[in-house]
Amino acid sequence: MTKRVHDQKIVMDKVNSLFNQYDEFDIISGELASLGFVRTGGKFDVAAFENTDLEVYVHISLEDEKKIKNFEVVTFSEIKDALEK
């Protein structure tokens, strides 16, 4: 369990770093794929990515189809805890 939490923190830090470096969706989505994330949903103004091995979820809001407005990175357990409240 400790290793999973450690690995989650590492990948979440990498994801946050990507969003600090880039604001273009195409670049971010490619970088997320290289970290093991798969796009699981979205439309023209939102996108969702998951890394099921590490149980990490990324939600991206877009200004248009290319520019990122904001994002959120959470673990599956954080989502589960929020839903149970």
Protein backbone atom coordinates (compact mmCIF):
# COMPACT_ATOMS: atom_id res chain seq x y z
CA MET A 1 0.00 0.00 0.00
CA THR A 2 2.80 2.42 0.87
CA LYS A 3 4.46 1.82 -2.51
CA ARG A 4 1.18 2.57 -4.33
CA VAL A 5 0.75 5.84 -2.43
CA HIS A 6 4.37 6.75 -3.17
CA ASP A 7 3.95 5.92 -6.88
CA GLN A 8 0.68 7.89 -7.00
CA LYS A 9 2.42 10.93 -5.51
CA ILE A 10 5.24 10.69 -8.05
CA VAL A 11 2.88 10.55 -11.05
CA MET A 12 0.62 13.27 -9.61
CA ASP A 13 3.66 15.54 -9.16
CA LYS A 14 4.67 14.84 -12.78
CA VAL A 15 1.15 15.67 -13.99
CA ASN A 16 1.10 18.93 -12.02
CA SER A 17 4.49 19.80 -13.48
CA LEU A 18 3.17 19.23 -17.02
CA PHE A 19 0.34 21.69 -16.44
CA ASN A 20 2.83 24.23 -15.10
CA GLN A 21 4.94 23.85 -18.26
CA TYR A 22 2.29 23.64 -20.97
CA ASP A 23 -1.18 24.99 -21.66
CA GLU A 24 -1.88 23.28 -24.99
CA PHE A 25 -4.18 20.27 -24.82
CA ASP A 26 -2.41 18.29 -27.56
CA ILE A 27 0.91 18.46 -25.74
CA ILE A 28 -0.61 17.62 -22.36
CA SER A 29 -2.63 14.68 -23.71
CA GLY A 30 0.49 13.23 -25.36
CA GLU A 31 2.50 13.62 -22.17
CA LEU A 32 -0.29 12.05 -20.11
CA ALA A 33 -0.30 9.07 -22.49
CA SER A 34 3.44 8.67 -21.95
CA LEU A 35 2.73 8.46 -18.20
CA GLY A 36 0.21 5.65 -18.71
CA PHE A 37 -3.00 7.70 -18.84
CA VAL A 38 -5.83 6.83 -21.21
CA ARG A 39 -8.52 9.29 -22.27
CA THR A 40 -11.80 8.03 -20.85
CA GLY A 41 -14.20 10.80 -21.75
CA GLY A 42 -14.88 14.37 -22.62
CA LYS A 43 -16.34 16.71 -25.16
CA PHE A 44 -15.03 19.87 -26.77
CA ASP A 45 -14.77 21.70 -23.42
CA VAL A 46 -13.69 18.91 -21.02
CA ALA A 47 -11.51 15.80 -21.05
CA ALA A 48 -10.96 12.97 -18.60
CA PHE A 49 -7.90 10.73 -18.31
CA GLU A 50 -7.23 7.75 -16.06
CA ASN A 51 -4.19 5.75 -15.09
CA THR A 52 -5.93 2.62 -13.82
CA ASP A 53 -2.70 0.95 -12.68
CA LEU A 54 -1.99 3.78 -10.24
CA GLU A 55 -5.65 4.73 -9.77
CA VAL A 56 -5.17 8.40 -10.66
CA TYR A 57 -7.75 10.54 -12.50
CA VAL A 58 -7.18 13.82 -14.37
CA HIS A 59 -10.06 16.16 -15.28
CA ILE A 60 -9.29 18.98 -17.73
CA SER A 61 -11.50 21.96 -18.58
CA LEU A 62 -10.74 23.63 -21.89
CA GLU A 63 -11.17 27.23 -23.05
CA ASP A 64 -11.38 25.92 -26.58
CA GLU A 65 -10.28 22.65 -28.14
CA LYS A 66 -6.60 23.54 -27.71
CA LYS A 67 -6.09 25.67 -24.58
CA ILE A 68 -6.40 24.42 -21.02
CA LYS A 69 -8.54 26.46 -18.65
CA ASN A 70 -7.99 24.40 -15.47
CA PHE A 71 -7.39 20.87 -14.28
CA GLU A 72 -7.71 18.57 -11.30
CA VAL A 73 -5.63 15.52 -10.38
CA VAL A 74 -7.06 13.10 -7.81
CA THR A 75 -6.78 9.47 -6.77
CA PHE A 76 -9.65 7.05 -7.19
CA SER A 77 -9.86 6.75 -3.40
CA GLU A 78 -10.28 10.54 -3.09
CA ILE A 79 -13.18 10.36 -5.54
CA LYS A 80 -14.72 7.45 -3.63
CA ASP A 81 -14.36 9.29 -0.31
CA ALA A 82 -15.99 12.43 -1.75
CA LEU A 83 -18.93 10.43 -3.09
CA GLU A 84 -19.50 8.74 0.26
CA LYS A 85 -19.83 12.04 2.12
